[in-house]
Amino acid sequence: MTTLLGRPAHFLKYYPVKCAGSSAPVQNAANTKAYRIVKRDGALGQKAGHRGATRPGIFGTTLNISSFKLEPGGAAVGAGTVAQAHVVPMVNHNSTIYGCFDLQGVTNAMPNYVLDAGGDGLMVTGELSNCCFAWVQQGNDLWCTHVQPVGGITPGNLQTELSTTGSFAGLPGTALSTFGRNQYPGGRASIIGVREGGVWNLYAQKTDTSFDTLTESWRIHPGPAVRL
């Protein structure tokens, strides 16, 4: 956790992080919850946490490294430092499946979930499979949401809708930035936020192996997306 919060670009370039989502009961506000980072079970016969991921070592060597998961909860065996993380929950485009909040197809007046100066500077949301993550800068804060394309809309059309006509109720007509199926056309993605020097940075990891290994890692906010 110390390295993730202190050197996020380095950590997230190499180390796969599978994210477990959580509920956020208060809309249009910051919601924080204790999160821990733990190594995933290693592959048979491999070191703890190793599921195929590697990074460069010195003198041209390749190092086998661990894959991790972020999950809600306090200290556990093998867990790193526990952080009070901002939570951005999944909401549904037009469905009540999984008990998630139902937008009823209305994406131009959505509730938001705030990343502010509180907590320990970490943001967690659940894995993206077909979903779209959307955000807008509001002062030093970020307003965010994570929308699942259920209820008759395709993943691509959801991202187009959020990018072109989507907005938050508190900022009507303000265009949203998005990360969706257009950016991860196959596999899955993790979106992880880290507050650095008072500024929220959003990072995206892409995977074709359910976060055993990574295909790409990016910083997607602020500014133009940059591959790590």
C-alpha atoms as a PDB file:
ATOM      1  CA  MET A   1       0.000   0.000   0.000  1.00  0.00           C
ATOM      2  CA  THR A   2       2.870   2.361   0.798  1.00  0.00           C
ATOM      3  CA  THR A   3       4.345   1.905  -2.681  1.00  0.00           C
ATOM      4  CA  LEU A   4       0.958   2.116  -4.394  1.00  0.00           C
ATOM      5  CA  LEU A   5       0.216   5.472  -2.719  1.00  0.00           C
ATOM      6  CA  GLY A   6       3.771   6.822  -2.929  1.00  0.00           C
ATOM      7  CA  ARG A   7       4.827   5.635  -6.409  1.00  0.00           C
ATOM      8  CA  PRO A   8       1.572   4.763  -8.183  1.00  0.00           C
ATOM      9  CA  ALA A   9       2.865   5.074 -11.755  1.00  0.00           C
ATOM     10  CA  HIS A  10       5.682   2.607 -11.029  1.00  0.00           C
ATOM     11  CA  PHE A  11       3.518   0.193  -9.068  1.00  0.00           C
ATOM     12  CA  LEU A  12       0.600   0.164 -11.503  1.00  0.00           C
ATOM     13  CA  LYS A  13       2.826  -0.134 -14.580  1.00  0.00           C
ATOM     14  CA  TYR A  14       3.932  -3.600 -13.519  1.00  0.00           C
ATOM     15  CA  TYR A  15       1.838  -5.056 -10.696  1.00  0.00           C
ATOM     16  CA  PRO A  16      -1.669  -6.297 -11.614  1.00  0.00           C
ATOM     17  CA  VAL A  17      -4.307  -5.140  -9.128  1.00  0.00           C
ATOM     18  CA  LYS A  18      -7.711  -6.827  -9.123  1.00  0.00           C
ATOM     19  CA  CYS A  19     -10.266  -4.528  -7.467  1.00  0.00           C
ATOM     20  CA  ALA A  20     -13.302  -5.519  -5.439  1.00  0.00           C
ATOM     21  CA  GLY A  21     -16.053  -2.908  -5.464  1.00  0.00           C
ATOM     22  CA  SER A  22     -18.117  -1.786  -2.516  1.00  0.00           C
ATOM     23  CA  SER A  23     -21.273   0.138  -1.765  1.00  0.00           C
ATOM     24  CA  ALA A  24     -21.337   3.911  -1.285  1.00  0.00           C
ATOM     25  CA  PRO A  25     -24.566   4.835   0.498  1.00  0.00           C
ATOM     26  CA  VAL A  26     -24.399   8.637   0.091  1.00  0.00           C
ATOM     27  CA  GLN A  27     -24.836  10.079  -3.394  1.00  0.00           C
ATOM     28  CA  ASN A  28     -23.262  13.382  -4.449  1.00  0.00           C
ATOM     29  CA  ALA A  29     -20.745  13.100  -1.640  1.00  0.00           C
ATOM     30  CA  ALA A  30     -17.511  11.394  -0.661  1.00  0.00           C
ATOM     31  CA  ASN A  31     -17.814   7.825   0.646  1.00  0.00           C
ATOM     32  CA  THR A  32     -14.777   6.273   2.340  1.00  0.00           C
ATOM     33  CA  LYS A  33     -14.200   2.745   3.538  1.00  0.00           C
ATOM     34  CA  ALA A  34     -11.239   0.769   4.872  1.00  0.00           C
ATOM     35  CA  TYR A  35      -9.426  -1.102   2.078  1.00  0.00           C
ATOM     36  CA  ARG A  36      -6.440  -3.427   2.208  1.00  0.00           C
ATOM     37  CA  ILE A  37      -4.100  -4.730  -0.454  1.00  0.00           C
ATOM     38  CA  VAL A  38      -3.116  -8.395  -0.397  1.00  0.00           C
ATOM     39  CA  LYS A  39      -1.226 -10.778  -2.643  1.00  0.00           C
ATOM     40  CA  ARG A  40      -3.424 -13.134  -4.621  1.00  0.00           C
ATOM     41  CA  ASP A  41      -2.903 -16.864  -4.335  1.00  0.00           C
ATOM     42  CA  GLY A  42       0.122 -17.861  -6.376  1.00  0.00           C
ATOM     43  CA  ALA A  43       0.077 -20.368  -9.222  1.00  0.00           C
ATOM     44  CA  LEU A  44       0.966 -23.938  -8.318  1.00  0.00           C
ATOM     45  CA  GLY A  45       4.650 -24.199  -7.454  1.00  0.00           C
ATOM     46  CA  GLN A  46       5.271 -20.462  -7.732  1.00  0.00           C
ATOM     47  CA  LYS A  47       6.222 -17.804  -5.169  1.00  0.00           C
ATOM     48  CA  ALA A  48       3.453 -16.168  -3.162  1.00  0.00           C
ATOM     49  CA  GLY A  49       1.248 -14.031  -5.381  1.00  0.00           C
ATOM     50  CA  HIS A  50       2.967 -14.914  -8.661  1.00  0.00           C
ATOM     51  CA  ARG A  51       0.472 -15.663 -11.438  1.00  0.00           C
ATOM     52  CA  GLY A  52       2.649 -14.871 -14.453  1.00  0.00           C
ATOM     53  CA  ALA A  53       3.389 -11.151 -14.068  1.00  0.00           C
ATOM     54  CA  THR A  54       6.963  -9.929 -14.549  1.00  0.00           C
ATOM     55  CA  ARG A  55       8.990  -6.728 -14.585  1.00  0.00           C
ATOM     56  CA  PRO A  56      12.523  -5.875 -15.744  1.00  0.00           C
ATOM     57  CA  GLY A  57      15.354  -6.402 -13.288  1.00  0.00           C
ATOM     58  CA  ILE A  58      18.974  -5.250 -13.337  1.00  0.00           C
ATOM     59  CA  PHE A  59      21.476  -6.415 -15.949  1.00  0.00           C
ATOM     60  CA  GLY A  60      18.727  -7.391 -18.377  1.00  0.00           C
ATOM     61  CA  THR A  61      17.063  -9.884 -16.037  1.00  0.00           C
ATOM     62  CA  THR A  62      13.332 -10.508 -15.740  1.00  0.00           C
ATOM     63  CA  LEU A  63      11.766 -10.764 -12.301  1.00  0.00           C
ATOM     64  CA  ASN A  64       8.695 -12.779 -11.394  1.00  0.00           C
ATOM     65  CA  ILE A  65       6.393 -10.493  -9.388  1.00  0.00           C
ATOM     66  CA  SER A  66       3.145 -10.799  -7.463  1.00  0.00           C
ATOM     67  CA  SER A  67      -0.390 -10.000  -8.527  1.00  0.00           C
ATOM     68  CA  PHE A  68      -2.516  -8.185  -5.946  1.00  0.00           C
ATOM     69  CA  LYS A  69      -6.089  -7.421  -5.017  1.00  0.00           C
ATOM     70  CA  LEU A  70      -7.690  -4.436  -3.320  1.00  0.00           C
ATOM     71  CA  GLU A  71     -10.567  -5.467  -1.100  1.00  0.00           C
ATOM     72  CA  PRO A  72     -12.646  -3.835   1.630  1.00  0.00           C
ATOM     73  CA  GLY A  73     -11.744  -4.706   5.192  1.00  0.00           C
ATOM     74  CA  GLY A  74      -9.237  -4.142   7.954  1.00  0.00           C
ATOM     75  CA  ALA A  75      -5.914  -5.788   8.618  1.00  0.00           C
ATOM     76  CA  ALA A  76      -5.450  -9.397   7.543  1.00  0.00           C
ATOM     77  CA  VAL A  77      -2.601 -11.872   7.366  1.00  0.00           C
ATOM     78  CA  GLY A  78      -0.278 -10.681   4.622  1.00  0.00           C
ATOM     79  CA  ALA A  79      -2.119  -7.388   4.177  1.00  0.00           C
ATOM     80  CA  GLY A  80      -0.332  -4.124   3.655  1.00  0.00           C
ATOM     81  CA  THR A  81      -1.257  -0.839   5.286  1.00  0.00           C
ATOM     82  CA  VAL A  82      -5.023  -0.329   5.409  1.00  0.00           C
ATOM     83  CA  ALA A  83      -6.238   2.868   3.733  1.00  0.00           C
ATOM     84  CA  GLN A  84      -9.454   4.802   4.073  1.00  0.00           C
ATOM     85  CA  ALA A  85     -10.298   4.707   0.377  1.00  0.00           C
ATOM     86  CA  HIS A  86     -12.867   6.694  -1.561  1.00  0.00           C
ATOM     87  CA  VAL A  87     -15.396   4.295  -3.082  1.00  0.00           C
ATOM     88  CA  VAL A  88     -17.095   4.774  -6.461  1.00  0.00           C
ATOM     89  CA  PRO A  89     -19.825   2.112  -6.727  1.00  0.00           C
ATOM     90  CA  MET A  90     -21.290   0.582  -9.865  1.00  0.00           C
ATOM     91  CA  VAL A  91     -24.690   1.890 -10.981  1.00  0.00           C
ATOM     92  CA  ASN A  92     -26.941   0.413 -13.686  1.00  0.00           C
ATOM     93  CA  HIS A  93     -27.974   2.129 -16.912  1.00  0.00           C
ATOM     94  CA  ASN A  94     -31.507   0.761 -16.800  1.00  0.00           C
ATOM     95  CA  SER A  95     -31.884  -2.178 -14.418  1.00  0.00           C
ATOM     96  CA  THR A  96     -32.004  -3.145 -10.760  1.00  0.00           C
ATOM     97  CA  ILE A  97     -29.727  -6.171 -11.228  1.00  0.00           C
ATOM     98  CA  TYR A  98     -27.291  -6.832  -8.353  1.00  0.00           C
ATOM     99  CA  GLY A  99     -29.211  -4.300  -6.254  1.00  0.00           C
ATOM    100  CA  CYS A 100     -27.292  -1.399  -7.817  1.00  0.00           C
ATOM    101  CA  PHE A 101     -28.792   2.073  -8.195  1.00  0.00           C
ATOM    102  CA  ASP A 102     -30.920   2.255 -11.360  1.00  0.00           C
ATOM    103  CA  LEU A 103     -30.407   5.319 -13.578  1.00  0.00           C
ATOM    104  CA  GLN A 104     -33.540   4.294 -15.516  1.00  0.00           C
ATOM    105  CA  GLY A 105     -31.747   5.239 -18.723  1.00  0.00           C
ATOM    106  CA  VAL A 106     -31.297   8.883 -17.673  1.00  0.00           C
ATOM    107  CA  THR A 107     -27.617   9.810 -18.001  1.00  0.00           C
ATOM    108  CA  ASN A 108     -27.862  13.615 -18.313  1.00  0.00           C
ATOM    109  CA  ALA A 109     -28.725  14.144 -14.626  1.00  0.00           C
ATOM    110  CA  MET A 110     -26.794  11.382 -12.839  1.00  0.00           C
ATOM    111  CA  PRO A 111     -25.742  11.275  -9.186  1.00  0.00           C
ATOM    112  CA  ASN A 112     -22.002  11.400  -8.589  1.00  0.00           C
ATOM    113  CA  TYR A 113     -19.481  10.105  -6.077  1.00  0.00           C
ATOM    114  CA  VAL A 114     -16.890  12.631  -4.930  1.00  0.00           C
ATOM    115  CA  LEU A 115     -13.122  12.286  -4.570  1.00  0.00           C
ATOM    116  CA  ASP A 116     -12.112  15.059  -2.187  1.00  0.00           C
ATOM    117  CA  ALA A 117      -9.293  15.886   0.233  1.00  0.00           C
ATOM    118  CA  GLY A 118     -10.436  13.354   2.836  1.00  0.00           C
ATOM    119  CA  GLY A 119      -9.358   9.778   3.399  1.00  0.00           C
ATOM    120  CA  ASP A 120      -5.874   8.520   2.574  1.00  0.00           C
ATOM    121  CA  GLY A 121      -5.740   9.476  -1.099  1.00  0.00           C
ATOM    122  CA  LEU A 122      -6.885   6.190  -2.673  1.00  0.00           C
ATOM    123  CA  MET A 123      -9.933   5.591  -4.880  1.00  0.00           C
ATOM    124  CA  VAL A 124     -11.302   2.126  -5.596  1.00  0.00           C
ATOM    125  CA  THR A 125     -14.083   0.978  -7.897  1.00  0.00           C
ATOM    126  CA  GLY A 126     -15.033  -2.507  -9.029  1.00  0.00           C
ATOM    127  CA  GLU A 127     -13.604  -4.215 -12.104  1.00  0.00           C
ATOM    128  CA  LEU A 128     -14.760  -3.002 -15.494  1.00  0.00           C
ATOM    129  CA  SER A 129     -15.870  -5.741 -17.887  1.00  0.00           C
ATOM    130  CA  ASN A 130     -18.359  -3.925 -20.135  1.00  0.00           C
ATOM    131  CA  CYS A 131     -18.771  -0.881 -17.885  1.00  0.00           C
ATOM    132  CA  CYS A 132     -17.811   2.752 -18.427  1.00  0.00           C
ATOM    133  CA  PHE A 133     -16.138   4.964 -15.817  1.00  0.00           C
ATOM    134  CA  ALA A 134     -16.911   8.700 -16.119  1.00  0.00           C
ATOM    135  CA  TRP A 135     -15.598  11.749 -14.304  1.00  0.00           C
ATOM    136  CA  VAL A 136     -15.327  15.535 -14.304  1.00  0.00           C
ATOM    137  CA  GLN A 137     -12.991  17.919 -12.487  1.00  0.00           C
ATOM    138  CA  GLN A 138     -14.714  20.216  -9.997  1.00  0.00           C
ATOM    139  CA  GLY A 139     -12.164  22.448  -8.299  1.00  0.00           C
ATOM    140  CA  ASN A 140      -9.678  20.150  -6.578  1.00  0.00           C
ATOM    141  CA  ASP A 141     -12.251  17.353  -6.439  1.00  0.00           C
ATOM    142  CA  LEU A 142     -13.290  14.758  -8.981  1.00  0.00           C
ATOM    143  CA  TRP A 143     -16.930  13.776  -9.455  1.00  0.00           C
ATOM    144  CA  CYS A 144     -17.170  10.194 -10.690  1.00  0.00           C
ATOM    145  CA  THR A 145     -19.481   7.331 -11.563  1.00  0.00           C
ATOM    146  CA  HIS A 146     -19.184   3.760 -12.863  1.00  0.00           C
ATOM    147  CA  VAL A 147     -22.053   2.681 -15.121  1.00  0.00           C
ATOM    148  CA  GLN A 148     -22.924  -0.873 -16.116  1.00  0.00           C
ATOM    149  CA  PRO A 149     -24.566  -1.246 -19.584  1.00  0.00           C
ATOM    150  CA  VAL A 150     -27.621  -3.262 -18.657  1.00  0.00           C
ATOM    151  CA  GLY A 151     -31.175  -2.673 -19.830  1.00  0.00           C
ATOM    152  CA  GLY A 152     -30.849  -2.731 -23.608  1.00  0.00           C
ATOM    153  CA  ILE A 153     -27.745  -0.647 -24.324  1.00  0.00           C
ATOM    154  CA  THR A 154     -24.452  -1.964 -25.696  1.00  0.00           C
ATOM    155  CA  PRO A 155     -21.114  -1.184 -24.016  1.00  0.00           C
ATOM    156  CA  GLY A 156     -20.020   0.956 -26.964  1.00  0.00           C
ATOM    157  CA  ASN A 157     -23.267   2.896 -27.090  1.00  0.00           C
ATOM    158  CA  LEU A 158     -23.100   3.485 -23.341  1.00  0.00           C
ATOM    159  CA  GLN A 159     -19.696   5.111 -23.655  1.00  0.00           C
ATOM    160  CA  THR A 160     -20.865   7.213 -26.604  1.00  0.00           C
ATOM    161  CA  GLU A 161     -23.907   8.363 -24.633  1.00  0.00           C
ATOM    162  CA  LEU A 162     -21.896   9.259 -21.544  1.00  0.00           C
ATOM    163  CA  SER A 163     -19.259  11.053 -23.634  1.00  0.00           C
ATOM    164  CA  THR A 164     -21.676  13.110 -25.713  1.00  0.00           C
ATOM    165  CA  THR A 165     -24.782  13.831 -23.632  1.00  0.00           C
ATOM    166  CA  GLY A 166     -23.960  12.475 -20.165  1.00  0.00           C
ATOM    167  CA  SER A 167     -23.643  14.835 -17.209  1.00  0.00           C
ATOM    168  CA  PHE A 168     -24.125  14.999 -13.467  1.00  0.00           C
ATOM    169  CA  ALA A 169     -27.231  16.557 -11.943  1.00  0.00           C
ATOM    170  CA  GLY A 170     -25.100  19.086 -10.068  1.00  0.00           C
ATOM    171  CA  LEU A 171     -23.282  20.158 -13.259  1.00  0.00           C
ATOM    172  CA  PRO A 172     -25.914  20.045 -16.004  1.00  0.00           C
ATOM    173  CA  GLY A 173     -24.458  20.136 -19.492  1.00  0.00           C
ATOM    174  CA  THR A 174     -20.836  19.755 -18.350  1.00  0.00           C
ATOM    175  CA  ALA A 175     -19.125  17.157 -20.552  1.00  0.00           C
ATOM    176  CA  LEU A 176     -17.728  14.021 -18.932  1.00  0.00           C
ATOM    177  CA  SER A 177     -14.424  12.284 -19.525  1.00  0.00           C
ATOM    178  CA  THR A 178     -14.854   8.527 -19.958  1.00  0.00           C
ATOM    179  CA  PHE A 179     -12.944   5.259 -19.960  1.00  0.00           C
ATOM    180  CA  GLY A 180     -14.968   2.430 -21.444  1.00  0.00           C
ATOM    181  CA  ARG A 181     -15.079  -0.341 -24.031  1.00  0.00           C
ATOM    182  CA  ASN A 182     -13.399   1.851 -26.650  1.00  0.00           C
ATOM    183  CA  GLN A 183     -10.267   1.869 -24.476  1.00  0.00           C
ATOM    184  CA  TYR A 184     -10.352  -1.798 -23.431  1.00  0.00           C
ATOM    185  CA  PRO A 185     -11.966  -3.579 -26.398  1.00  0.00           C
ATOM    186  CA  GLY A 186     -11.283  -7.003 -24.901  1.00  0.00           C
ATOM    187  CA  GLY A 187     -10.713  -8.324 -21.429  1.00  0.00           C
ATOM    188  CA  ARG A 188     -11.186  -6.222 -18.301  1.00  0.00           C
ATOM    189  CA  ALA A 189      -9.895  -3.054 -16.699  1.00  0.00           C
ATOM    190  CA  SER A 190      -9.199  -1.601 -13.264  1.00  0.00           C
ATOM    191  CA  ILE A 191      -9.518   2.118 -12.518  1.00  0.00           C
ATOM    192  CA  ILE A 192      -7.543   3.202  -9.452  1.00  0.00           C
ATOM    193  CA  GLY A 193      -7.245   6.761  -8.164  1.00  0.00           C
ATOM    194  CA  VAL A 194      -4.327   8.131  -6.153  1.00  0.00           C
ATOM    195  CA  ARG A 195      -4.144  11.685  -4.772  1.00  0.00           C
ATOM    196  CA  GLU A 196      -0.640  13.030  -5.395  1.00  0.00           C
ATOM    197  CA  GLY A 197       0.361  16.449  -4.066  1.00  0.00           C
ATOM    198  CA  GLY A 198      -3.311  17.273  -3.518  1.00  0.00           C
ATOM    199  CA  VAL A 199      -4.236  16.333  -7.105  1.00  0.00           C
ATOM    200  CA  TRP A 200      -6.259  13.244  -7.999  1.00  0.00           C
ATOM    201  CA  ASN A 201      -4.661  11.035 -10.647  1.00  0.00           C
ATOM    202  CA  LEU A 202      -6.620   8.214 -12.276  1.00  0.00           C
ATOM    203  CA  TYR A 203      -4.843   5.103 -13.547  1.00  0.00           C
ATOM    204  CA  ALA A 204      -6.193   2.329 -15.766  1.00  0.00           C
ATOM    205  CA  GLN A 205      -4.856  -1.214 -16.005  1.00  0.00           C
ATOM    206  CA  LYS A 206      -5.949  -3.508 -18.836  1.00  0.00           C
ATOM    207  CA  THR A 207      -5.828  -7.294 -18.731  1.00  0.00           C
ATOM    208  CA  ASP A 208      -6.730 -10.300 -20.839  1.00  0.00           C
ATOM    209  CA  THR A 209      -6.063 -12.724 -17.960  1.00  0.00           C
ATOM    210  CA  SER A 210      -8.342 -11.428 -15.209  1.00  0.00           C
ATOM    211  CA  PHE A 211      -5.439  -9.522 -13.631  1.00  0.00           C
ATOM    212  CA  ASP A 212      -3.005 -12.394 -13.452  1.00  0.00           C
ATOM    213  CA  THR A 213      -0.958 -10.287 -15.898  1.00  0.00           C
ATOM    214  CA  LEU A 214      -1.338  -6.885 -17.594  1.00  0.00           C
ATOM    215  CA  THR A 215      -1.540  -5.917 -21.249  1.00  0.00           C
ATOM    216  CA  GLU A 216      -1.227  -2.128 -20.700  1.00  0.00           C
ATOM    217  CA  SER A 217      -1.236   0.484 -17.948  1.00  0.00           C
ATOM    218  CA  TRP A 218      -2.165   4.158 -18.383  1.00  0.00           C
ATOM    219  CA  ARG A 219      -2.577   7.399 -16.465  1.00  0.00           C
ATOM    220  CA  ILE A 220      -5.902   8.693 -17.767  1.00  0.00           C
ATOM    221  CA  HIS A 221      -6.287  11.853 -15.639  1.00  0.00           C
ATOM    222  CA  PRO A 222      -5.209  14.657 -15.488  1.00  0.00           C
ATOM    223  CA  GLY A 223      -4.460  15.710 -19.039  1.00  0.00           C
ATOM    224  CA  PRO A 224      -4.260  13.467 -22.109  1.00  0.00           C
ATOM    225  CA  ALA A 225      -3.914   9.752 -21.385  1.00  0.00           C
ATOM    226  CA  VAL A 226      -0.275   8.645 -21.052  1.00  0.00           C
ATOM    227  CA  ARG A 227       0.901   5.048 -21.256  1.00  0.00           C
ATOM    228  CA  LEU A 228       3.066   4.076 -18.292  1.00  0.00           C
END
